[in-house]
Amino acid sequence: MSPSIAAWGDSLTYGNEDGTGVSYPGVVSSLLGAPVYNGGVGGQNCAEIQADFFAGTGELNDLTLIWAGRNDVPGGTTSTVLACIQTMVAALPVPKRFLVLSVLNSGAEPAGSPNYDAIIKLNGSLAAAFPSNYLDVRSMLVAKYNPALAQDAIDNANDAPPTSLRFDILHLNAAGYTDVAGWVAAWIQSHGGVTGSLAQLASGGLWNTTITLVNTSSMPTEVLLNFFDNNGGSLSLPLVFPQTSSAPVQAASLDETIAAGGELTIQTAGSASQPTQEGWAQFLSNGAIAGSAVLVWPTAAGPQATALQFETRDPAAFVLWFDNTGGNATGMAVANLTNQAVTVPVILLDDAGASLGTSSLSLPAYGHESFMLADPDFGYYPVTAGKRGTMEFDTPPGGQISTMGISAAPGGAITNIPVVAK
């Protein structure tokens, strides 16, 4: 699942001073294959950037990039800019996934000048306040000078970003913004955290679900788990935590911190007498978290279970095989991961590659649908009865989906169907 990213700042975020159309958020989007909102506005100080940030709460996405404070020098104080950025960070949803970029000095602000000293002090305060979420792009640009160019060598001696990477005395050119974007994208890939989805979970009736989240990093990591029902609303479920307590807790979301190398196990606790509650799960983390789940249902031969991995991909389509021959039955589930209603195109092929038709599924924002393909009472696709083949779910334009499939044998055994990204 690709992260949704928002970048806030001044003209250094907006970019394109040289008329090439290049901005660092645009290049980050290309490098990561993820949408990046560019909230940069030329000339804004930190307070004005903050005002736009709060006005654009719809852009408080999975990951927030902040490059603010340049237009507060000279005149602004370190404490004012730091408090401004801290207020923005405090407003981010948990788990807080963000990156603060260091303020640049211009070619006219060499080491030892008053503005240079103010910028170095400000950057030191940002680094101390956000030690794990700070990127010193100023120093990285300074180090990228070309020693074969006389002016670059002078800039390096002045501890200023090199002329070869600048459009004017301060702003970067296309090469400079591309360098910044590369460093930001690399940070996101190594520190940006994970988002994932589980296209089906169920509690009560004949079903229960066990979710396991594992922290593969060397530091404690925060994780937020949200449950959604078929209509996209919050799905409140009875949950138990077998590692610490068997007493059920009713919740539609969880905010937990997992110890370094540790795991968190969560079980739904629906009873057989309760109607089955079903939907999907989303998890967000600010670190290296891997998730899986086990769906369990009872049969005359004993409990049957199948394991599922949390989906983290965002391809153009997902493809799953189905087998409705010899008494086998196939079930599918689809979840809409976005806050907009979507229509999901569906393509059916038999095992020889011949068309069995096309269709579509309409899902509300954060909605979900699960179904048996050929069940005579609840089947969505009777054309698949007695056949093998594949079912393709195409990602809607501007949307994002998650899918899963289960194959049920005549004796009740169930198995997960691998989901192929196309």
Protein backbone atom coordinates (compact mmCIF):
# COMPACT_ATOMS: atom_id res chain seq x y z
CA MET A 1 0.00 0.00 0.00
CA SER A 2 1.71 3.18 -1.11
CA PRO A 3 1.77 6.00 1.41
CA SER A 4 -0.26 9.15 0.79
CA ILE A 5 2.06 12.10 1.34
CA ALA A 6 1.57 15.83 1.91
CA ALA A 7 4.40 18.39 1.69
CA TRP A 8 4.02 21.79 3.41
CA GLY A 9 6.35 24.75 3.04
CA ASP A 10 7.29 27.91 1.14
CA SER A 11 8.77 28.45 -2.34
CA LEU A 12 11.39 25.76 -1.72
CA THR A 13 8.53 23.26 -1.51
CA TYR A 14 6.58 24.75 -4.40
CA GLY A 15 9.69 24.62 -6.62
CA ASN A 16 9.83 25.38 -10.37
CA GLU A 17 11.81 28.62 -10.03
CA ASP A 18 13.77 27.71 -13.16
CA GLY A 19 10.63 27.02 -15.20
CA THR A 20 11.37 23.30 -15.62
CA GLY A 21 8.33 22.27 -13.59
CA VAL A 22 10.53 20.39 -11.12
CA SER A 23 9.70 20.44 -7.42
CA TYR A 24 10.98 18.12 -4.75
CA PRO A 25 7.45 16.80 -3.90
CA GLY A 26 6.89 16.02 -7.59
CA VAL A 27 10.12 14.04 -7.82
CA VAL A 28 9.35 12.20 -4.56
CA SER A 29 6.02 11.17 -6.10
CA SER A 30 7.79 9.78 -9.17
CA LEU A 31 10.42 7.95 -7.12
CA LEU A 32 7.93 6.29 -4.76
CA GLY A 33 5.03 5.85 -7.16
CA ALA A 34 2.79 7.52 -4.56
CA PRO A 35 0.64 10.66 -4.66
CA VAL A 36 2.25 13.72 -3.04
CA TYR A 37 0.24 16.86 -2.27
CA ASN A 38 2.36 20.01 -2.79
CA GLY A 39 1.25 22.61 -0.24
CA GLY A 40 4.16 24.97 -0.88
CA VAL A 41 3.41 28.71 -1.20
CA GLY A 42 6.12 31.22 -2.02
CA GLY A 43 7.00 33.85 0.58
CA GLN A 44 5.22 32.22 3.51
CA ASN A 45 6.67 32.23 6.99
CA CYS A 46 6.07 29.34 9.38
CA ALA A 47 2.87 30.81 10.85
CA GLU A 48 1.37 31.14 7.35
CA ILE A 49 2.44 27.60 6.43
CA GLN A 50 0.85 26.39 9.64
CA ALA A 51 -2.41 28.18 8.78
CA ASP A 52 -2.53 26.45 5.39
CA PHE A 53 -1.70 23.16 7.09
CA PHE A 54 -4.69 23.46 9.42
CA ALA A 55 -6.96 24.67 6.62
CA GLY A 56 -6.01 21.57 4.62
CA THR A 57 -6.86 18.90 7.18
CA GLY A 58 -7.99 16.67 4.32
CA GLU A 59 -4.29 16.42 3.46
CA LEU A 60 -3.25 15.12 6.89
CA ASN A 61 -2.23 11.89 5.24
CA ASP A 62 -0.08 8.89 6.06
CA LEU A 63 3.13 10.93 5.89
CA THR A 64 3.73 14.68 6.30
CA LEU A 65 6.77 16.59 5.03
CA ILE A 66 7.52 20.00 6.59
CA TRP A 67 10.06 22.47 5.16
CA ALA A 68 9.39 25.72 7.04
CA GLY A 69 11.28 28.57 8.67
CA ARG A 70 13.33 30.03 5.80
CA ASN A 71 11.16 33.16 5.56
CA ASP A 72 11.42 33.66 9.33
CA VAL A 73 15.11 34.54 8.87
CA PRO A 74 16.00 37.26 9.63
CA GLY A 75 13.66 38.47 12.34
CA GLY A 76 11.99 35.29 13.56
CA THR A 77 13.26 33.57 16.66
CA THR A 78 14.30 29.95 16.93
CA SER A 79 11.71 29.31 19.64
CA THR A 80 8.90 30.78 17.50
CA VAL A 81 9.65 28.58 14.48
CA LEU A 82 10.21 25.51 16.64
CA ALA A 83 6.89 26.02 18.44
CA CYS A 84 5.17 26.55 15.09
CA ILE A 85 6.40 23.21 13.72
CA GLN A 86 5.75 21.41 17.01
CA THR A 87 2.11 22.57 16.84
CA MET A 88 1.80 21.10 13.34
CA VAL A 89 3.31 17.80 14.44
CA ALA A 90 1.03 17.64 17.49
CA ALA A 91 -2.01 17.86 15.18
CA LEU A 92 -0.99 14.86 13.07
CA PRO A 93 -3.01 11.67 13.49
CA VAL A 94 -1.38 8.76 15.26
CA PRO A 95 0.89 7.10 14.53
CA LYS A 96 2.70 10.34 13.70
CA ARG A 97 4.63 9.88 10.48
CA PHE A 98 6.47 13.03 9.46
CA LEU A 99 9.78 14.46 8.34
CA VAL A 100 11.15 17.94 9.07
CA LEU A 101 13.73 19.34 6.62
CA SER A 102 16.51 21.71 7.68
CA VAL A 103 16.44 25.38 6.72
CA LEU A 104 18.83 26.49 3.92
CA ASN A 105 21.21 29.42 4.03
CA SER A 106 21.70 31.35 0.80
CA GLY A 107 24.89 32.02 -1.08
CA ALA A 108 24.87 35.48 0.51
CA GLU A 109 24.78 34.05 4.05
CA PRO A 110 28.22 32.51 4.56
CA ALA A 111 29.50 30.91 7.73
CA GLY A 112 29.92 33.51 10.44
CA SER A 113 27.25 35.89 9.16
CA PRO A 114 24.32 36.74 11.46
CA ASN A 115 21.73 34.98 9.30
CA TYR A 116 23.94 31.90 8.99
CA ASP A 117 24.31 31.72 12.77
CA ALA A 118 20.54 32.07 13.22
CA ILE A 119 19.87 29.28 10.70
CA ILE A 120 22.41 26.92 12.27
CA LYS A 121 20.86 27.56 15.69
CA LEU A 122 17.37 26.92 14.33
CA ASN A 123 18.43 23.70 12.61
CA GLY A 124 20.10 22.53 15.82
CA SER A 125 16.83 23.07 17.68
CA LEU A 126 14.86 21.14 15.03
CA ALA A 127 17.33 18.26 15.15
CA ALA A 128 17.07 18.10 18.94
CA ALA A 129 13.26 18.31 18.94
CA PHE A 130 12.75 15.68 16.19
CA PRO A 131 15.83 13.44 16.35
CA SER A 132 14.23 10.55 14.45
CA ASN A 133 12.24 12.73 12.04
CA TYR A 134 14.76 15.32 10.87
CA LEU A 135 16.75 15.43 7.65
CA ASP A 136 19.65 17.88 7.30
CA VAL A 137 19.30 18.61 3.58
CA ARG A 138 21.29 21.85 4.00
CA SER A 139 24.45 19.99 4.94
CA MET A 140 23.79 17.35 2.28
CA LEU A 141 23.51 20.03 -0.41
CA VAL A 142 26.70 21.74 0.80
CA ALA A 143 28.55 18.41 0.53
CA LYS A 144 27.27 17.90 -3.05
CA TYR A 145 29.45 20.72 -4.46
CA ASN A 146 31.57 20.20 -7.56
CA PRO A 147 35.22 20.90 -6.64
CA ALA A 148 36.03 21.42 -10.32
CA LEU A 149 33.85 24.55 -10.33
CA ALA A 150 35.48 27.59 -8.76
CA GLN A 151 32.24 29.10 -7.45
CA ASP A 152 31.16 25.77 -5.97
CA ALA A 153 34.48 25.58 -4.13
CA ILE A 154 33.90 29.08 -2.74
CA ASP A 155 30.36 28.14 -1.69
CA ASN A 156 31.65 25.04 0.07
CA ALA A 157 34.23 27.11 1.96
CA ASN A 158 31.34 29.37 3.03
CA ASP A 159 29.26 26.34 4.11
CA ALA A 160 26.54 27.28 1.60
CA PRO A 161 24.66 25.12 -0.96
CA PRO A 162 26.61 25.17 -4.24
CA THR A 163 25.80 27.47 -7.14
CA SER A 164 25.64 24.44 -9.46
CA LEU A 165 22.54 23.25 -7.59
CA ARG A 166 20.88 26.67 -7.27
CA PHE A 167 18.71 28.71 -9.62
CA ASP A 168 19.38 31.97 -7.77
CA ILE A 169 21.03 33.03 -4.55
CA LEU A 170 18.71 30.75 -2.51
CA HIS A 171 16.32 28.66 -4.56
CA LEU A 172 17.38 25.36 -6.06
CA ASN A 173 17.38 24.37 -9.70
CA ALA A 174 16.00 21.12 -11.10
CA ALA A 175 19.16 19.23 -10.15
CA GLY A 176 19.06 20.56 -6.59
CA TYR A 177 15.41 19.70 -6.06
CA THR A 178 16.02 16.25 -7.54
CA ASP A 179 18.81 15.67 -5.03
CA VAL A 180 16.57 16.76 -2.13
CA ALA A 181 13.79 14.50 -3.39
CA GLY A 182 16.17 11.53 -3.59
CA TRP A 183 17.25 12.01 0.02
CA VAL A 184 13.66 12.44 1.20
CA ALA A 185 12.46 9.37 -0.73
CA ALA A 186 15.31 7.28 0.70
CA TRP A 187 14.36 8.42 4.22
CA ILE A 188 10.73 7.52 3.62
CA GLN A 189 11.66 4.07 2.35
CA SER A 190 13.84 3.34 5.36
CA HIS A 191 11.99 5.22 8.11
CA GLY A 192 8.58 6.12 6.78
CA GLY A 193 6.69 3.24 8.32
CA VAL A 194 4.06 0.92 6.91
CA THR A 195 0.41 0.98 5.99
CA GLY A 196 -1.47 -2.23 5.38
CA SER A 197 -4.93 -3.70 5.03
CA LEU A 198 -6.74 -6.97 5.67
CA ALA A 199 -9.63 -7.30 3.22
CA GLN A 200 -11.68 -9.62 5.45
CA LEU A 201 -12.19 -10.14 9.14
CA ALA A 202 -15.13 -11.68 10.93
CA SER A 203 -16.35 -12.11 14.50
CA GLY A 204 -19.29 -14.12 15.86
CA GLY A 205 -21.55 -16.73 14.38
CA LEU A 206 -19.23 -19.30 12.84
CA TRP A 207 -16.17 -17.06 12.59
CA ASN A 208 -13.40 -15.44 14.59
CA THR A 209 -10.18 -13.72 13.60
CA THR A 210 -6.74 -13.60 15.22
CA ILE A 211 -4.46 -10.74 14.17
CA THR A 212 -0.71 -10.78 14.87
CA LEU A 213 1.53 -7.74 14.40
CA VAL A 214 5.31 -8.17 14.62
CA ASN A 215 7.83 -5.36 15.19
CA THR A 216 10.93 -6.27 13.17
CA SER A 217 12.85 -3.14 14.17
CA SER A 218 15.26 -2.51 17.02
CA MET A 219 13.11 0.16 18.67
CA PRO A 220 9.57 0.39 20.11
CA THR A 221 7.06 1.12 17.35
CA GLU A 222 3.57 2.60 17.49
CA VAL A 223 0.78 0.99 15.49
CA LEU A 224 -2.81 2.10 14.88
CA LEU A 225 -5.39 -0.54 13.92
CA ASN A 226 -8.82 0.50 12.56
CA PHE A 227 -11.83 -1.73 11.80
CA PHE A 228 -14.45 -0.80 9.16
CA ASP A 229 -17.84 -2.38 8.40
CA ASN A 230 -19.43 -3.03 5.00
CA ASN A 231 -20.75 0.53 4.79
CA GLY A 232 -17.42 2.13 5.67
CA GLY A 233 -18.37 2.96 9.24
CA SER A 234 -16.44 2.03 12.37
CA LEU A 235 -16.78 -1.66 13.23
CA SER A 236 -16.77 -2.17 16.98
CA LEU A 237 -15.66 -5.69 17.89
CA PRO A 238 -15.16 -7.68 21.12
CA LEU A 239 -11.39 -8.15 21.40
CA VAL A 240 -9.13 -10.09 23.73
CA PHE A 241 -5.36 -9.81 24.16
CA PRO A 242 -4.14 -13.33 25.02
CA GLN A 243 -0.67 -12.07 25.97
CA THR A 244 -2.05 -9.97 28.81
CA SER A 245 -5.76 -10.60 29.44
CA SER A 246 -8.69 -12.79 28.39
CA ALA A 247 -11.28 -10.16 29.34
CA PRO A 248 -12.96 -8.84 26.17
CA VAL A 249 -12.64 -5.16 25.28
CA GLN A 250 -15.06 -3.56 22.83
CA ALA A 251 -13.21 -1.39 20.30
CA ALA A 252 -13.28 -0.16 16.71
CA SER A 253 -9.65 1.03 16.79
CA LEU A 254 -6.50 0.34 18.77
CA ASP A 255 -3.41 2.47 19.38
CA GLU A 256 -0.60 0.30 20.73
CA THR A 257 3.19 0.39 21.05
CA ILE A 258 5.01 -2.86 20.30
CA ALA A 259 8.40 -3.46 21.91
CA ALA A 260 11.49 -3.89 19.76
CA GLY A 261 11.39 -7.39 18.31
CA GLY A 262 8.04 -8.00 19.99
CA GLU A 263 4.60 -8.90 18.78
CA LEU A 264 1.00 -8.03 19.54
CA THR A 265 -1.75 -10.65 19.26
CA ILE A 266 -5.42 -9.64 19.10
CA GLN A 267 -8.37 -12.03 18.88
CA THR A 268 -12.01 -11.30 18.15
CA ALA A 269 -14.26 -12.85 20.78
CA GLY A 270 -17.63 -13.21 19.08
CA SER A 271 -19.78 -16.10 20.30
CA ALA A 272 -21.56 -18.68 18.16
CA SER A 273 -24.92 -17.25 19.25
CA GLN A 274 -24.12 -13.77 17.96
CA PRO A 275 -24.71 -12.62 14.37
CA THR A 276 -21.51 -12.57 12.36
CA GLN A 277 -19.90 -9.12 12.17
CA GLU A 278 -17.61 -8.67 9.22
CA GLY A 279 -15.58 -5.98 7.54
CA TRP A 280 -11.93 -5.15 7.00
CA ALA A 281 -8.92 -3.87 8.95
CA GLN A 282 -6.38 -1.13 8.33
CA PHE A 283 -3.10 -0.71 10.15
CA LEU A 284 -0.74 2.26 10.19
CA SER A 285 2.65 2.31 11.83
CA ASN A 286 5.60 4.63 12.19
CA GLY A 287 8.10 1.80 11.81
CA ALA A 288 8.77 -1.71 10.58
CA ILE A 289 5.61 -3.68 11.37
CA ALA A 290 4.48 -6.87 9.60
CA GLY A 291 0.91 -8.11 9.98
CA SER A 292 -0.96 -11.37 9.45
CA ALA A 293 -4.28 -12.88 10.46
CA VAL A 294 -5.93 -16.26 10.88
CA LEU A 295 -9.63 -16.80 10.12
CA VAL A 296 -11.19 -19.71 12.03
CA TRP A 297 -14.56 -21.40 11.70
CA PRO A 298 -15.89 -24.63 13.29
CA THR A 299 -16.93 -27.72 11.33
CA ALA A 300 -18.02 -31.25 12.23
CA ALA A 301 -14.43 -32.34 11.65
CA GLY A 302 -13.10 -29.66 14.01
CA PRO A 303 -12.03 -26.02 13.65
CA GLN A 304 -10.81 -24.98 10.22
CA ALA A 305 -8.41 -22.10 9.74
CA THR A 306 -6.57 -20.18 7.06
CA ALA A 307 -3.84 -17.56 7.30
CA LEU A 308 -3.82 -14.19 5.54
CA GLN A 309 -1.10 -11.56 5.13
CA PHE A 310 -1.85 -7.85 5.48
CA GLU A 311 -1.76 -6.28 2.02
CA THR A 312 0.77 -3.50 1.48
CA ARG A 313 0.78 -3.33 -2.35
CA ASP A 314 -1.06 -0.88 -4.58
CA PRO A 315 -1.04 -2.38 -8.10
CA ALA A 316 -3.18 -1.62 -11.14
CA ALA A 317 -5.18 -4.80 -10.45
CA PHE A 318 -5.39 -7.89 -8.25
CA VAL A 319 -5.98 -11.35 -9.74
CA LEU A 320 -7.21 -14.41 -7.82
CA TRP A 321 -7.97 -17.92 -9.06
CA PHE A 322 -11.24 -19.68 -8.26
CA ASP A 323 -12.31 -23.31 -8.24
CA ASN A 324 -16.01 -24.15 -8.09
CA THR A 325 -15.67 -27.72 -9.36
CA GLY A 326 -16.16 -31.02 -7.52
CA GLY A 327 -18.00 -29.49 -4.60
CA ASN A 328 -15.37 -26.82 -3.98
CA ALA A 329 -16.57 -23.27 -3.34
CA THR A 330 -14.77 -19.93 -3.61
CA GLY A 331 -15.32 -16.76 -1.59
CA MET A 332 -13.88 -13.31 -2.23
CA ALA A 333 -13.69 -10.01 -0.37
CA VAL A 334 -12.88 -6.49 -1.54
CA ALA A 335 -12.24 -3.37 0.56
CA ASN A 336 -12.14 0.27 -0.52
CA LEU A 337 -9.16 1.87 1.23
CA THR A 338 -10.06 5.46 0.34
CA ASN A 339 -12.43 8.12 1.66
CA GLN A 340 -14.28 8.31 -1.69
CA ALA A 341 -16.91 5.94 -3.10
CA VAL A 342 -15.49 3.81 -5.93
CA THR A 343 -16.64 1.43 -8.64
CA VAL A 344 -14.32 -1.57 -9.04
CA PRO A 345 -14.23 -3.18 -12.52
CA VAL A 346 -14.31 -7.00 -12.43
CA ILE A 347 -13.09 -9.34 -15.18
CA LEU A 348 -13.86 -13.08 -15.18
CA LEU A 349 -11.95 -15.66 -17.24
CA ASP A 350 -12.21 -19.45 -17.31
CA ASP A 351 -9.17 -21.70 -16.96
CA ALA A 352 -8.61 -21.59 -20.73
CA GLY A 353 -8.52 -17.80 -20.69
CA ALA A 354 -11.96 -17.40 -22.31
CA SER A 355 -14.14 -14.57 -21.06
CA LEU A 356 -16.90 -15.34 -18.57
CA GLY A 357 -18.00 -11.72 -18.61
CA THR A 358 -17.29 -8.43 -16.91
CA SER A 359 -18.97 -6.70 -14.02
CA SER A 360 -18.34 -4.09 -11.33
CA LEU A 361 -18.66 -3.63 -7.60
CA SER A 362 -19.75 -0.30 -6.08
CA LEU A 363 -18.23 0.38 -2.68
CA PRO A 364 -18.83 3.38 -0.39
CA ALA A 365 -15.94 5.25 1.16
CA TYR A 366 -13.97 2.73 3.28
CA GLY A 367 -16.62 0.17 2.28
CA HIS A 368 -16.33 -3.60 2.03
CA GLU A 369 -18.00 -6.51 0.28
CA SER A 370 -17.59 -10.27 0.69
CA PHE A 371 -19.39 -12.98 -1.27
CA MET A 372 -19.39 -16.55 -2.53
CA LEU A 373 -18.97 -16.62 -6.29
CA ALA A 374 -21.46 -19.33 -7.23
CA ASP A 375 -23.60 -20.03 -4.16
CA PRO A 376 -27.22 -20.56 -5.35
CA ASP A 377 -28.59 -18.25 -2.66
CA PHE A 378 -25.79 -15.72 -2.11
CA GLY A 379 -23.60 -16.07 -5.20
CA TYR A 380 -22.71 -12.92 -7.12
CA TYR A 381 -21.39 -14.70 -10.19
CA PRO A 382 -23.43 -17.82 -11.06
CA VAL A 383 -21.58 -18.04 -14.39
CA THR A 384 -18.62 -19.44 -12.40
CA ALA A 385 -20.60 -22.46 -11.10
CA GLY A 386 -18.81 -25.72 -11.94
CA LYS A 387 -15.81 -23.86 -13.38
CA ARG A 388 -12.23 -22.93 -12.66
CA GLY A 389 -10.74 -19.62 -13.67
CA THR A 390 -9.55 -16.22 -12.51
CA MET A 391 -11.20 -13.10 -11.18
CA GLU A 392 -9.54 -9.71 -11.70
CA PHE A 393 -10.32 -6.64 -9.59
CA ASP A 394 -9.06 -3.45 -11.26
CA THR A 395 -8.01 -0.52 -9.10
CA PRO A 396 -10.32 2.44 -9.88
CA PRO A 397 -8.66 5.66 -11.11
CA GLY A 398 -7.41 7.59 -8.09
CA GLY A 399 -8.53 4.77 -5.79
CA GLN A 400 -6.97 1.96 -3.82
CA ILE A 401 -8.40 -1.45 -2.97
CA SER A 402 -7.50 -4.62 -1.11
CA THR A 403 -8.70 -8.13 -1.90
CA MET A 404 -8.57 -11.68 -0.56
CA GLY A 405 -9.98 -15.09 -1.45
CA ILE A 406 -10.79 -18.36 0.34
CA SER A 407 -11.33 -21.79 -1.20
CA ALA A 408 -13.58 -24.17 0.74
CA ALA A 409 -13.39 -27.94 0.17
CA PRO A 410 -16.48 -30.20 0.42
CA GLY A 411 -15.37 -31.44 3.86
CA GLY A 412 -15.14 -27.92 5.24
CA ALA A 413 -11.40 -27.32 5.02
CA ILE A 414 -10.53 -23.78 3.94
CA THR A 415 -7.40 -22.32 2.40
CA ASN A 416 -6.24 -18.85 1.47
CA ILE A 417 -6.06 -18.03 -2.27
CA PRO A 418 -2.83 -16.20 -3.17
CA VAL A 419 -3.47 -12.67 -4.44
CA VAL A 420 -1.45 -11.79 -7.54
CA ALA A 421 -0.62 -8.13 -8.21
CA LYS A 422 -0.94 -7.16 -11.87
